[in-house]
Amino acid sequence: MDPARQPESDTHRLTATPCIVLVVDDDPIVLTVFRHQIRDALFDLRLCRSRAEAEAVLAGDNVDIAVVNYHLGAQQPSGVDVLAHVRRVRPDCFRILLTAETDMQIVADALNRGLCHALLTKPAVPDQVLALLRQGHGTAQLRRRNRALVAELSRRNQELESLHSQSERATEELRQAHERLREKQVELVRLETQGAVAQLGSGLSHELNNPLAAILGFAQRLQRRLKDDAETVRRLNVIVTEVERCRALVAQLRNLSAPLDESVCECAPATAFRAAAQRLVETGRSPPEMTVCGEIPPVLAAPRALIRVFEQIIDNAIGAGSQRCWLSGDRIGDRVRLSVENDGASPDDLALSNATKPFFTTWSAQGRRGLGLTIAAALLREQTGTLMLTRRSDAVGACCTIVLPLATPSQARLNAQADTSTDAVVLVVDDEPLIAELLHDCLVDSGCQAATVASCAEALGVLATRPVRAVLADVHLPDGSGVDLLRSAVARTPSLRGHVALVTGDNQSQQLERLAAETGFRVLAKPFRLEQVQTLIQQLL
């Protein structure tokens, strides 16, 4: 390619800045010729006679073109070596090899090694020199601009990578937020389901518990009277069993979303554990063999709610076919971890992940309804407690872990004892004739004198004219509230405090429990078994 034929428009298009030209030759005459021949203001010459001088210029100036003679004299490196140094320190520089040699092998070696871009032979023609310098200047500028564009492209790529990383992080945050939203939506649906079920349970308990109480009570009494007729007893037992199933289902529906309305206090987990087993016995269930392992720290909990929690857990173990249950506990800081283990069937992964979800059960064929652990978990949440179902680590079976606040031991309260008279009666106040008759018969069977009335007015009349040992009153009476009646009775006769109880067939268990805690009233929920009535009578008397 002939540099002299480079179009003027192309060479001057990139000449906005002066061009620094390094000329290295040991012959001062050659340097003088360059100074006189190159008078274009575009070029700023740096004339050097040795490599050391050239390196000093390269260290300080951004050289655009380097013209280096092949022979630099004795004790000096060749011009090819100097061009190699120029390539290292100024990679954008346009490198020209100046030589008088006719051996083209030198040129070929320099070109093949990429050490020079052009060849200038001595003696050089001025026009040829200027054309080659203009070409070199344009090439150097293009290289610098390309290098700047590459650097800018690299910077932009880094920015894009950073934006991509930020986008990925934002996407992950959005995914996590969406997952949390989905979980909240599932929880909202669950709570709405519980609310609907609670309303259903409210209606069922109010409408069904009164007739169920009568069916259950009279069936049990017939069983006792006809105990010698095995076939009749068997059929009556079917009635009792089915009524128990209906009662349990209504109770579970009623309690599913019931908020805790009972004050927390110091509780002994072992006592609540045994009380839960006894309640199951009273309702016709056969709990496994119960074992309390070691000393268990006291907890802060609602006493009746804690018993219900244990009752649901033990009932769940019965459904899994367990023969033994173990309660153990240990202190973890200001919390107590209670473990209820059983030797029944080990739960699978599906059961573990859905253990506290309502209506989930793997025992539907056995009549299970999937509400037990749901109720237990709901009760514990309102006492800042938690419940988790796991497999036993060293054997077949399941483990329910409960965590509750630690309680400081306190002195037990003493219960006041009421004065009783041998001729005093137990007053039953209920407008349902069958329920009143059933309670009357239970009292008589327990050796008590009993009187039944159907209204608040009649009850106040008896309280004013006869000695009364205890009062059982229905919550809803034709002429008033059983709660107000008992309060009035206790106010008139202070010795009745602790000897009155409410009988109810509705689902307002939360309000009744609060009233019981405030006034000392006990509560008997319909339908009830005769054993529960007898236990209540013993407590009242």
Protein backbone atom coordinates (compact mmCIF):
# COMPACT_ATOMS: atom_id res chain seq x y z
CA MET A 1 0.00 0.00 0.00
CA ASP A 2 1.35 3.41 -0.93
CA PRO A 3 0.82 5.87 1.95
CA ALA A 4 1.17 8.73 -0.47
CA ARG A 5 -2.17 7.79 -2.02
CA GLN A 6 -4.09 8.09 1.28
CA PRO A 7 -6.92 10.60 0.60
CA GLU A 8 -6.41 14.00 2.21
CA SER A 9 -9.95 14.02 3.58
CA ASP A 10 -9.32 10.79 5.50
CA THR A 11 -5.97 11.82 6.94
CA HIS A 12 -7.16 15.21 8.14
CA ARG A 13 -10.47 13.96 9.49
CA LEU A 14 -8.79 12.79 12.76
CA THR A 15 -6.28 15.63 13.27
CA ALA A 16 -8.00 17.62 15.93
CA THR A 17 -5.07 17.29 18.36
CA PRO A 18 -1.29 17.67 17.79
CA CYS A 19 0.54 14.46 16.96
CA ILE A 20 3.64 13.61 19.02
CA VAL A 21 6.24 11.90 16.83
CA LEU A 22 9.18 10.12 18.39
CA VAL A 23 12.23 9.81 16.08
CA VAL A 24 15.11 7.63 17.30
CA ASP A 25 18.39 7.56 15.31
CA ASP A 26 22.03 7.69 16.42
CA ASP A 27 22.93 9.84 13.39
CA PRO A 28 22.42 13.56 14.20
CA ILE A 29 22.22 14.36 10.50
CA VAL A 30 19.17 12.17 10.09
CA LEU A 31 17.52 13.89 13.03
CA THR A 32 18.31 17.31 11.53
CA VAL A 33 16.79 16.24 8.21
CA PHE A 34 13.61 15.18 9.97
CA ARG A 35 13.43 18.55 11.76
CA HIS A 36 13.76 20.45 8.48
CA GLN A 37 11.52 18.21 6.39
CA ILE A 38 8.58 17.99 8.80
CA ARG A 39 7.35 21.53 9.31
CA ASP A 40 3.64 20.68 9.51
CA ALA A 41 2.19 22.21 12.72
CA LEU A 42 0.27 18.98 13.22
CA PHE A 43 3.41 17.10 14.22
CA ASP A 44 5.34 17.71 17.42
CA LEU A 45 8.76 16.01 17.10
CA ARG A 46 10.72 14.32 19.87
CA LEU A 47 14.25 13.60 18.56
CA CYS A 48 16.34 11.01 20.42
CA ARG A 49 19.76 9.42 19.75
CA SER A 50 19.51 6.45 22.13
CA ARG A 51 17.09 4.04 23.68
CA ALA A 52 17.47 5.69 27.09
CA GLU A 53 16.38 9.05 25.68
CA ALA A 54 13.46 7.38 23.89
CA GLU A 55 12.31 5.63 27.07
CA ALA A 56 12.33 8.95 28.93
CA VAL A 57 10.09 10.49 26.26
CA LEU A 58 7.77 7.47 26.27
CA ALA A 59 7.45 7.69 30.04
CA GLY A 60 6.26 11.29 29.89
CA ASP A 61 4.47 11.79 26.58
CA ASN A 62 1.60 10.00 24.92
CA VAL A 63 3.48 9.25 21.72
CA ASP A 64 1.35 8.78 18.59
CA ILE A 65 4.06 7.72 16.10
CA ALA A 66 7.45 6.16 16.68
CA VAL A 67 10.06 6.22 13.87
CA VAL A 68 13.04 4.10 14.92
CA ASN A 69 16.19 3.36 12.95
CA TYR A 70 17.17 -0.29 12.80
CA HIS A 71 20.86 0.45 13.62
CA LEU A 72 21.35 2.63 16.71
CA GLY A 73 25.08 2.28 16.93
CA ALA A 74 27.50 0.17 18.89
CA GLN A 75 26.53 -0.95 22.39
CA GLN A 76 22.91 -0.07 21.58
CA PRO A 77 19.99 -2.45 21.03
CA SER A 78 18.50 -2.73 17.57
CA GLY A 79 15.57 -0.59 16.50
CA VAL A 80 13.36 -3.69 16.58
CA ASP A 81 14.01 -4.04 20.32
CA VAL A 82 13.12 -0.38 20.85
CA LEU A 83 9.88 -0.88 18.89
CA ALA A 84 9.10 -3.89 21.12
CA HIS A 85 9.43 -1.60 24.16
CA VAL A 86 7.19 1.01 22.48
CA ARG A 87 4.53 -1.65 21.90
CA ARG A 88 4.59 -2.58 25.59
CA VAL A 89 4.31 0.94 27.01
CA ARG A 90 2.30 2.66 24.22
CA PRO A 91 0.19 -0.04 22.54
CA ASP A 92 -1.77 2.50 20.44
CA CYS A 93 1.37 4.06 18.93
CA PHE A 94 1.92 3.67 15.15
CA ARG A 95 5.39 2.13 14.80
CA ILE A 96 7.66 2.73 11.75
CA LEU A 97 10.99 0.98 11.16
CA LEU A 98 13.61 3.20 9.49
CA THR A 99 16.38 1.33 7.67
CA ALA A 100 18.87 1.53 4.86
CA GLU A 101 19.14 -2.24 4.59
CA THR A 102 18.18 -3.94 1.42
CA ASP A 103 17.67 -7.30 3.18
CA MET A 104 13.87 -7.58 3.43
CA GLN A 105 14.15 -10.47 5.88
CA ILE A 106 14.67 -7.92 8.66
CA VAL A 107 11.45 -6.18 7.69
CA ALA A 108 9.54 -9.45 7.36
CA ASP A 109 10.63 -10.56 10.84
CA ALA A 110 9.56 -7.23 12.37
CA LEU A 111 6.21 -7.30 10.61
CA ASN A 112 5.54 -10.94 11.51
CA ARG A 113 6.25 -10.23 15.16
CA GLY A 114 3.88 -7.26 15.05
CA LEU A 115 6.60 -4.88 16.10
CA CYS A 116 6.15 -2.40 13.26
CA HIS A 117 3.33 -1.26 11.06
CA ALA A 118 5.28 0.35 8.21
CA LEU A 119 8.77 0.58 6.70
CA LEU A 120 10.61 3.76 5.79
CA THR A 121 13.83 3.40 3.78
CA LYS A 122 16.72 5.83 3.61
CA PRO A 123 16.95 8.29 2.03
CA ALA A 124 13.29 9.13 2.68
CA VAL A 125 11.29 11.33 0.32
CA PRO A 126 9.65 14.21 2.29
CA ASP A 127 6.20 13.78 0.76
CA GLN A 128 6.31 10.07 1.50
CA VAL A 129 7.35 10.76 5.09
CA LEU A 130 4.49 13.23 5.64
CA ALA A 131 1.94 10.90 4.08
CA LEU A 132 3.11 8.02 6.27
CA LEU A 133 3.03 10.22 9.38
CA ARG A 134 -0.52 11.36 8.60
CA GLN A 135 -1.57 7.75 8.16
CA GLY A 136 0.08 6.82 11.44
CA HIS A 137 -1.57 9.71 13.24
CA GLY A 138 -5.04 8.65 12.04
CA THR A 139 -4.36 5.03 12.95
CA ALA A 140 -3.18 5.94 16.45
CA GLN A 141 -6.24 8.09 17.03
CA LEU A 142 -8.55 5.36 15.80
CA ARG A 143 -6.87 2.86 18.12
CA ARG A 144 -7.24 5.17 21.09
CA ARG A 145 -10.88 5.77 20.28
CA ASN A 146 -11.46 2.06 19.81
CA ARG A 147 -9.76 1.37 23.11
CA ALA A 148 -11.89 4.06 24.78
CA LEU A 149 -15.00 2.56 23.21
CA VAL A 150 -13.98 -0.91 24.41
CA ALA A 151 -13.44 0.48 27.92
CA GLU A 152 -16.80 2.24 27.77
CA LEU A 153 -18.42 -0.93 26.51
CA SER A 154 -16.83 -2.88 29.36
CA ARG A 155 -18.07 -0.29 31.85
CA ARG A 156 -21.56 -0.43 30.38
CA ASN A 157 -21.46 -4.24 30.46
CA GLN A 158 -20.52 -4.09 34.13
CA GLU A 159 -23.39 -1.70 34.75
CA LEU A 160 -25.72 -4.04 32.88
CA GLU A 161 -24.45 -6.99 34.91
CA SER A 162 -25.02 -4.97 38.07
CA LEU A 163 -28.53 -4.05 36.91
CA HIS A 164 -29.12 -7.69 36.02
CA SER A 165 -28.02 -8.74 39.51
CA GLN A 166 -30.27 -6.09 41.02
CA SER A 167 -33.10 -7.28 38.79
CA GLU A 168 -32.51 -10.87 39.89
CA ARG A 169 -32.50 -9.79 43.55
CA ALA A 170 -35.65 -7.76 42.99
CA THR A 171 -37.23 -10.74 41.24
CA GLU A 172 -36.29 -13.00 44.15
CA GLU A 173 -37.69 -10.46 46.63
CA LEU A 174 -40.89 -10.30 44.60
CA ARG A 175 -41.06 -14.10 44.54
CA GLN A 176 -40.60 -14.25 48.30
CA ALA A 177 -43.20 -11.51 48.79
CA HIS A 178 -45.58 -13.42 46.52
CA GLU A 179 -44.96 -16.59 48.52
CA ARG A 180 -45.64 -14.74 51.78
CA LEU A 181 -48.80 -13.25 50.26
CA ARG A 182 -49.92 -16.70 49.14
CA GLU A 183 -49.33 -18.06 52.65
CA LYS A 184 -51.33 -15.15 54.12
CA GLN A 185 -54.12 -15.82 51.67
CA VAL A 186 -54.16 -19.48 52.67
CA GLU A 187 -54.21 -18.43 56.33
CA LEU A 188 -57.04 -15.98 55.62
CA VAL A 189 -59.08 -18.70 53.92
CA ARG A 190 -58.38 -20.98 56.86
CA LEU A 191 -59.52 -18.33 59.35
CA GLU A 192 -62.63 -17.58 57.29
CA THR A 193 -63.37 -21.31 57.19
CA GLN A 194 -62.97 -21.51 60.95
CA GLY A 195 -65.28 -18.52 61.38
CA ALA A 196 -67.95 -20.12 59.20
CA VAL A 197 -67.55 -23.41 61.04
CA ALA A 198 -67.79 -21.60 64.37
CA GLN A 199 -71.10 -20.02 63.34
CA LEU A 200 -72.35 -23.40 62.20
CA GLY A 201 -71.25 -24.89 65.51
CA SER A 202 -73.07 -22.13 67.38
CA GLY A 203 -76.38 -23.00 65.77
CA LEU A 204 -75.83 -26.74 66.10
CA SER A 205 -74.88 -26.59 69.76
CA HIS A 206 -77.91 -24.48 70.68
CA GLU A 207 -80.40 -26.58 68.75
CA LEU A 208 -78.97 -30.06 69.34
CA ASN A 209 -77.50 -30.11 72.83
CA ASN A 210 -80.81 -30.02 74.69
CA PRO A 211 -82.32 -33.04 72.89
CA LEU A 212 -78.95 -34.83 72.92
CA ALA A 213 -78.72 -34.32 76.68
CA ALA A 214 -82.13 -35.90 77.20
CA ILE A 215 -81.36 -38.84 74.87
CA LEU A 216 -77.99 -39.48 76.49
CA GLY A 217 -79.20 -39.19 80.07
CA PHE A 218 -82.28 -41.37 79.75
CA ALA A 219 -80.43 -43.96 77.67
CA GLN A 220 -77.87 -44.28 80.45
CA ARG A 221 -80.57 -44.58 83.08
CA LEU A 222 -82.29 -47.29 81.03
CA GLN A 223 -78.97 -49.11 80.78
CA ARG A 224 -78.69 -49.16 84.55
CA ARG A 225 -82.27 -50.29 85.08
CA LEU A 226 -82.17 -52.98 82.37
CA LYS A 227 -78.63 -54.16 83.02
CA ASP A 228 -79.82 -57.80 83.12
CA ASP A 229 -81.17 -57.58 79.53
CA ALA A 230 -77.95 -57.86 77.55
CA GLU A 231 -79.49 -57.21 74.12
CA THR A 232 -81.32 -54.09 75.30
CA VAL A 233 -78.19 -52.82 77.02
CA ARG A 234 -76.21 -53.40 73.82
CA ARG A 235 -78.70 -51.39 71.76
CA LEU A 236 -78.83 -48.63 74.34
CA ASN A 237 -75.05 -48.53 74.26
CA VAL A 238 -75.25 -47.85 70.51
CA ILE A 239 -77.48 -44.85 71.29
CA VAL A 240 -75.04 -43.59 73.93
CA THR A 241 -72.07 -44.03 71.59
CA GLU A 242 -73.71 -42.19 68.72
CA VAL A 243 -74.85 -39.35 70.97
CA GLU A 244 -71.27 -39.07 72.21
CA ARG A 245 -70.06 -38.76 68.62
CA CYS A 246 -72.59 -36.01 67.93
CA ARG A 247 -71.66 -34.21 71.12
CA ALA A 248 -67.94 -34.40 70.39
CA LEU A 249 -68.40 -33.07 66.87
CA VAL A 250 -70.55 -30.14 68.04
CA ALA A 251 -68.01 -29.36 70.77
CA GLN A 252 -65.12 -29.39 68.32
CA LEU A 253 -66.96 -27.19 65.85
CA ARG A 254 -67.84 -24.81 68.65
CA ASN A 255 -64.29 -24.60 69.95
CA LEU A 256 -62.52 -24.47 66.61
CA SER A 257 -62.13 -20.69 66.46
CA ALA A 258 -63.09 -19.89 70.04
CA PRO A 259 -60.75 -17.24 71.48
CA LEU A 260 -59.31 -17.87 74.91
CA ASP A 261 -61.35 -16.05 77.54
CA GLU A 262 -59.66 -17.43 80.64
CA SER A 263 -56.95 -15.82 82.72
CA VAL A 264 -53.53 -17.45 82.69
CA CYS A 265 -51.96 -18.54 85.94
CA GLU A 266 -49.44 -21.02 87.26
CA CYS A 267 -50.29 -24.55 86.09
CA ALA A 268 -48.74 -27.94 86.74
CA PRO A 269 -48.50 -29.71 83.35
CA ALA A 270 -48.57 -33.16 84.96
CA THR A 271 -51.84 -32.37 86.73
CA ALA A 272 -53.42 -31.06 83.52
CA PHE A 273 -52.12 -34.14 81.66
CA ARG A 274 -53.83 -36.53 84.09
CA ALA A 275 -56.99 -34.40 84.18
CA ALA A 276 -57.20 -34.62 80.39
CA ALA A 277 -56.98 -38.40 80.54
CA GLN A 278 -59.74 -38.45 83.16
CA ARG A 279 -61.99 -36.29 80.98
CA LEU A 280 -61.54 -38.76 78.15
CA VAL A 281 -62.55 -41.57 80.50
CA GLU A 282 -65.65 -39.63 81.52
CA THR A 283 -66.66 -39.27 77.87
CA GLY A 284 -66.29 -42.99 77.19
CA ARG A 285 -62.79 -42.93 75.67
CA SER A 286 -60.03 -45.28 76.79
CA PRO A 287 -56.77 -43.34 77.01
CA PRO A 288 -53.38 -45.07 76.70
CA GLU A 289 -51.24 -45.81 79.72
CA MET A 290 -50.16 -42.37 80.95
CA THR A 291 -46.63 -41.78 82.30
CA VAL A 292 -45.11 -38.56 83.62
CA CYS A 293 -41.32 -38.62 83.27
CA GLY A 294 -39.39 -36.73 85.92
CA GLU A 295 -40.14 -33.34 87.45
CA ILE A 296 -41.78 -30.89 85.07
CA PRO A 297 -41.47 -27.12 85.61
CA PRO A 298 -44.71 -25.15 86.14
CA VAL A 299 -46.04 -23.10 83.23
CA LEU A 300 -48.14 -19.97 82.76
CA ALA A 301 -51.32 -21.08 81.03
CA ALA A 302 -55.11 -21.04 81.21
CA PRO A 303 -55.88 -24.14 83.33
CA ARG A 304 -58.97 -25.41 81.53
CA ALA A 305 -57.51 -24.57 78.13
CA LEU A 306 -54.32 -26.51 78.95
CA ILE A 307 -56.41 -29.54 79.91
CA ARG A 308 -58.26 -29.26 76.60
CA VAL A 309 -54.94 -29.09 74.74
CA PHE A 310 -53.72 -32.29 76.40
CA GLU A 311 -57.12 -33.88 75.80
CA GLN A 312 -56.91 -33.23 72.06
CA ILE A 313 -53.31 -34.52 71.89
CA ILE A 314 -54.12 -37.71 73.80
CA ASP A 315 -57.24 -38.27 71.73
CA ASN A 316 -55.11 -37.90 68.61
CA ALA A 317 -52.74 -40.55 70.02
CA ILE A 318 -55.70 -42.87 70.64
CA GLY A 319 -56.66 -42.51 66.98
CA ALA A 320 -53.11 -43.48 65.99
CA GLY A 321 -53.42 -46.72 67.99
CA SER A 322 -51.01 -45.84 70.79
CA GLN A 323 -50.85 -47.95 73.95
CA ARG A 324 -48.65 -45.61 76.00
CA CYS A 325 -48.14 -41.85 76.32
CA TRP A 326 -45.25 -40.11 78.04
CA LEU A 327 -45.12 -36.51 79.26
CA SER A 328 -41.73 -34.91 79.86
CA GLY A 329 -40.59 -31.32 80.19
CA ASP A 330 -37.51 -29.17 80.45
CA ARG A 331 -36.76 -25.50 80.93
CA ILE A 332 -35.36 -23.42 78.05
CA GLY A 333 -34.59 -19.96 79.40
CA ASP A 334 -37.91 -18.40 80.40
CA ARG A 335 -39.91 -21.05 78.50
CA VAL A 336 -40.87 -24.65 79.19
CA ARG A 337 -40.79 -27.30 76.48
CA LEU A 338 -43.32 -30.08 77.05
CA SER A 339 -43.09 -33.29 75.00
CA VAL A 340 -46.02 -35.69 74.72
CA GLU A 341 -44.81 -38.86 73.03
CA ASN A 342 -46.86 -41.90 72.04
CA ASP A 343 -46.10 -45.32 70.57
CA GLY A 344 -48.81 -45.25 67.90
CA ALA A 345 -48.33 -45.08 64.15
CA SER A 346 -45.61 -42.67 62.99
CA PRO A 347 -47.04 -39.72 61.01
CA ASP A 348 -45.93 -39.35 57.39
CA ASP A 349 -44.59 -36.13 55.85
CA LEU A 350 -48.06 -35.07 54.67
CA ALA A 351 -49.46 -35.45 58.18
CA LEU A 352 -46.56 -33.51 59.72
CA SER A 353 -46.96 -30.55 57.36
CA ASN A 354 -50.75 -30.38 57.79
CA ALA A 355 -51.10 -31.46 61.42
CA THR A 356 -52.76 -28.26 62.68
CA LYS A 357 -54.85 -27.50 59.60
CA PRO A 358 -58.61 -27.89 60.13
CA PHE A 359 -60.33 -30.99 58.72
CA PHE A 360 -57.05 -32.61 57.69
CA THR A 361 -56.90 -36.23 58.87
CA THR A 362 -55.39 -39.49 57.73
CA TRP A 363 -57.93 -41.42 59.85
CA SER A 364 -61.18 -40.42 58.16
CA ALA A 365 -62.11 -44.10 57.77
CA GLN A 366 -62.05 -44.37 61.58
CA GLY A 367 -64.44 -41.42 61.97
CA ARG A 368 -61.76 -38.82 62.73
CA ARG A 369 -62.63 -35.24 61.77
CA GLY A 370 -59.26 -33.49 61.74
CA LEU A 371 -60.05 -30.79 64.33
CA GLY A 372 -58.21 -31.93 67.46
CA LEU A 373 -54.72 -30.50 66.93
CA THR A 374 -56.21 -27.45 65.19
CA ILE A 375 -58.10 -26.57 68.37
CA ALA A 376 -55.06 -27.31 70.53
CA ALA A 377 -52.81 -25.05 68.43
CA ALA A 378 -55.41 -22.24 68.48
CA LEU A 379 -55.69 -22.42 72.27
CA LEU A 380 -51.91 -22.36 72.70
CA ARG A 381 -51.44 -19.38 70.37
CA GLU A 382 -53.57 -17.25 72.69
CA GLN A 383 -51.29 -18.20 75.60
CA THR A 384 -48.12 -17.26 73.65
CA GLY A 385 -47.55 -20.98 73.25
CA THR A 386 -46.77 -23.17 70.26
CA LEU A 387 -47.45 -26.73 69.17
CA MET A 388 -45.49 -28.87 66.71
CA LEU A 389 -45.97 -32.50 65.62
CA THR A 390 -42.89 -34.60 64.82
CA ARG A 391 -41.92 -38.25 64.66
CA ARG A 392 -40.23 -39.87 67.64
CA SER A 393 -36.49 -39.81 67.06
CA ASP A 394 -35.65 -43.25 68.46
CA ALA A 395 -38.81 -45.34 68.05
CA VAL A 396 -42.10 -45.70 66.23
CA GLY A 397 -44.71 -43.10 67.14
CA ALA A 398 -45.29 -39.36 67.28
CA CYS A 399 -44.26 -36.49 69.53
CA CYS A 400 -46.25 -33.30 70.18
CA THR A 401 -44.00 -30.51 71.43
CA ILE A 402 -45.62 -27.68 73.39
CA VAL A 403 -43.73 -24.52 74.39
CA LEU A 404 -45.21 -22.25 77.09
CA PRO A 405 -43.91 -19.51 79.41
CA LEU A 406 -42.26 -20.61 82.65
CA ALA A 407 -44.21 -19.87 85.87
CA THR A 408 -42.81 -19.13 89.29
CA PRO A 409 -44.23 -21.55 91.90
CA SER A 410 -46.85 -19.95 94.14
CA GLN A 411 -48.88 -21.02 97.13
CA ALA A 412 -52.13 -22.80 96.24
CA ARG A 413 -55.31 -21.00 97.06
CA LEU A 414 -57.61 -22.47 99.71
CA ASN A 415 -61.21 -23.09 98.72
CA ALA A 416 -63.83 -21.87 101.14
CA GLN A 417 -66.17 -24.53 102.42
CA ALA A 418 -69.88 -23.72 102.59
CA ASP A 419 -72.10 -24.70 105.48
CA THR A 420 -74.60 -27.41 104.67
CA SER A 421 -77.76 -28.60 106.34
CA THR A 422 -79.04 -32.15 106.29
CA ASP A 423 -82.52 -31.02 105.24
CA ALA A 424 -81.37 -28.57 102.59
CA VAL A 425 -82.24 -29.25 98.95
CA VAL A 426 -80.39 -28.96 95.67
CA LEU A 427 -82.41 -26.69 93.44
CA VAL A 428 -82.65 -27.41 89.69
CA VAL A 429 -83.86 -24.50 87.53
CA ASP A 430 -84.54 -25.53 83.90
CA ASP A 431 -87.49 -24.94 81.59
CA GLU A 432 -86.77 -28.15 79.63
CA PRO A 433 -88.85 -30.77 81.50
CA LEU A 434 -86.74 -33.72 80.34
CA ILE A 435 -83.49 -32.06 81.41
CA ALA A 436 -84.97 -31.04 84.77
CA GLU A 437 -86.26 -34.58 85.35
CA LEU A 438 -82.92 -36.10 84.41
CA LEU A 439 -80.96 -33.82 86.77
CA HIS A 440 -83.52 -34.47 89.53
CA ASP A 441 -83.09 -38.24 89.15
CA CYS A 442 -79.28 -37.94 89.21
CA LEU A 443 -79.44 -35.90 92.42
CA VAL A 444 -81.78 -38.41 94.05
CA ASP A 445 -79.52 -41.28 92.98
CA SER A 446 -76.64 -39.44 94.67
CA GLY A 447 -78.58 -39.27 97.94
CA CYS A 448 -79.59 -35.62 97.71
CA GLN A 449 -82.91 -33.95 98.25
CA ALA A 450 -83.84 -32.20 94.99
CA ALA A 451 -86.37 -29.62 93.89
CA THR A 452 -87.06 -28.54 90.32
CA VAL A 453 -88.54 -25.29 89.01
CA ALA A 454 -88.82 -23.81 85.52
CA SER A 455 -88.32 -20.05 86.04
CA CYS A 456 -86.34 -17.42 87.92
CA ALA A 457 -89.40 -16.36 89.88
CA GLU A 458 -90.08 -19.89 91.12
CA ALA A 459 -86.42 -20.31 92.04
CA LEU A 460 -86.37 -17.11 94.09
CA GLY A 461 -89.47 -18.33 95.87
CA VAL A 462 -87.76 -21.58 96.87
CA LEU A 463 -84.62 -19.72 97.94
CA ALA A 464 -86.74 -17.49 100.16
CA THR A 465 -88.65 -20.32 101.86
CA ARG A 466 -86.38 -23.38 101.98
CA PRO A 467 -82.78 -24.09 102.90
CA VAL A 468 -80.83 -24.72 99.70
CA ARG A 469 -77.46 -26.51 99.54
CA ALA A 470 -76.72 -25.88 95.87
CA VAL A 471 -78.30 -24.53 92.69
CA LEU A 472 -78.10 -25.78 89.08
CA ALA A 473 -79.60 -23.23 86.70
CA ASP A 474 -79.97 -23.17 82.93
CA VAL A 475 -78.48 -20.09 81.31
CA HIS A 476 -81.60 -19.27 79.29
CA LEU A 477 -84.82 -19.20 81.31
CA PRO A 478 -88.27 -17.91 80.28
CA ASP A 479 -88.21 -14.90 82.59
CA GLY A 480 -84.52 -14.06 82.81
CA SER A 481 -80.92 -15.16 82.83
CA GLY A 482 -79.62 -18.05 84.88
CA VAL A 483 -76.41 -16.07 85.42
CA ASP A 484 -78.33 -13.21 87.05
CA LEU A 485 -80.32 -15.71 89.08
CA LEU A 486 -77.19 -17.33 90.53
CA ARG A 487 -75.65 -13.94 91.29
CA SER A 488 -78.81 -12.94 93.11
CA ALA A 489 -78.86 -16.24 95.01
CA VAL A 490 -75.24 -15.83 96.12
CA ALA A 491 -75.91 -12.24 97.12
CA ARG A 492 -78.90 -13.30 99.26
CA THR A 493 -77.21 -16.38 100.66
CA PRO A 494 -73.39 -15.97 100.76
CA SER A 495 -72.95 -19.59 101.90
CA LEU A 496 -74.01 -20.65 98.38
CA ARG A 497 -70.84 -19.22 96.88
CA GLY A 498 -68.97 -22.11 95.33
CA HIS A 499 -72.11 -24.27 95.35
CA VAL A 500 -73.84 -23.01 92.23
CA ALA A 501 -73.47 -24.11 88.61
CA LEU A 502 -74.73 -23.15 85.18
CA VAL A 503 -76.23 -25.62 82.70
CA THR A 504 -76.06 -24.61 79.04
CA GLY A 505 -76.80 -26.00 75.62
CA ASP A 506 -75.45 -23.08 73.56
CA ASN A 507 -71.90 -22.38 72.41
CA GLN A 508 -71.04 -19.33 74.51
CA SER A 509 -68.39 -21.27 76.39
CA GLN A 510 -65.97 -18.32 76.37
CA GLN A 511 -68.37 -16.01 78.21
CA LEU A 512 -69.36 -18.78 80.62
CA GLU A 513 -65.76 -19.57 81.43
CA ARG A 514 -65.12 -15.92 82.19
CA LEU A 515 -68.19 -15.78 84.45
CA ALA A 516 -67.04 -18.96 86.17
CA ALA A 517 -63.62 -17.42 86.83
CA GLU A 518 -65.13 -14.17 88.13
CA THR A 519 -67.94 -15.58 90.30
CA GLY A 520 -66.92 -19.14 91.10
CA PHE A 521 -69.78 -20.65 89.05
CA ARG A 522 -69.17 -24.06 87.52
CA VAL A 523 -70.48 -24.97 84.06
CA LEU A 524 -72.16 -28.17 82.89
CA ALA A 525 -72.48 -28.32 79.09
CA LYS A 526 -75.23 -30.26 77.36
CA PRO A 527 -75.36 -33.05 76.42
CA PHE A 528 -73.69 -34.55 79.47
CA ARG A 529 -73.07 -38.05 80.76
CA LEU A 530 -74.38 -39.17 84.12
CA GLU A 531 -70.81 -39.48 85.36
CA GLN A 532 -70.24 -35.78 84.66
CA VAL A 533 -73.38 -34.85 86.58
CA GLN A 534 -72.29 -36.99 89.52
CA THR A 535 -68.84 -35.38 89.49
CA LEU A 536 -70.41 -31.92 89.44
CA ILE A 537 -72.71 -32.82 92.35
CA GLN A 538 -69.71 -33.94 94.39
CA GLN A 539 -67.93 -30.66 93.62
CA LEU A 540 -70.98 -28.58 94.57
CA LEU A 541 -71.59 -30.39 97.80
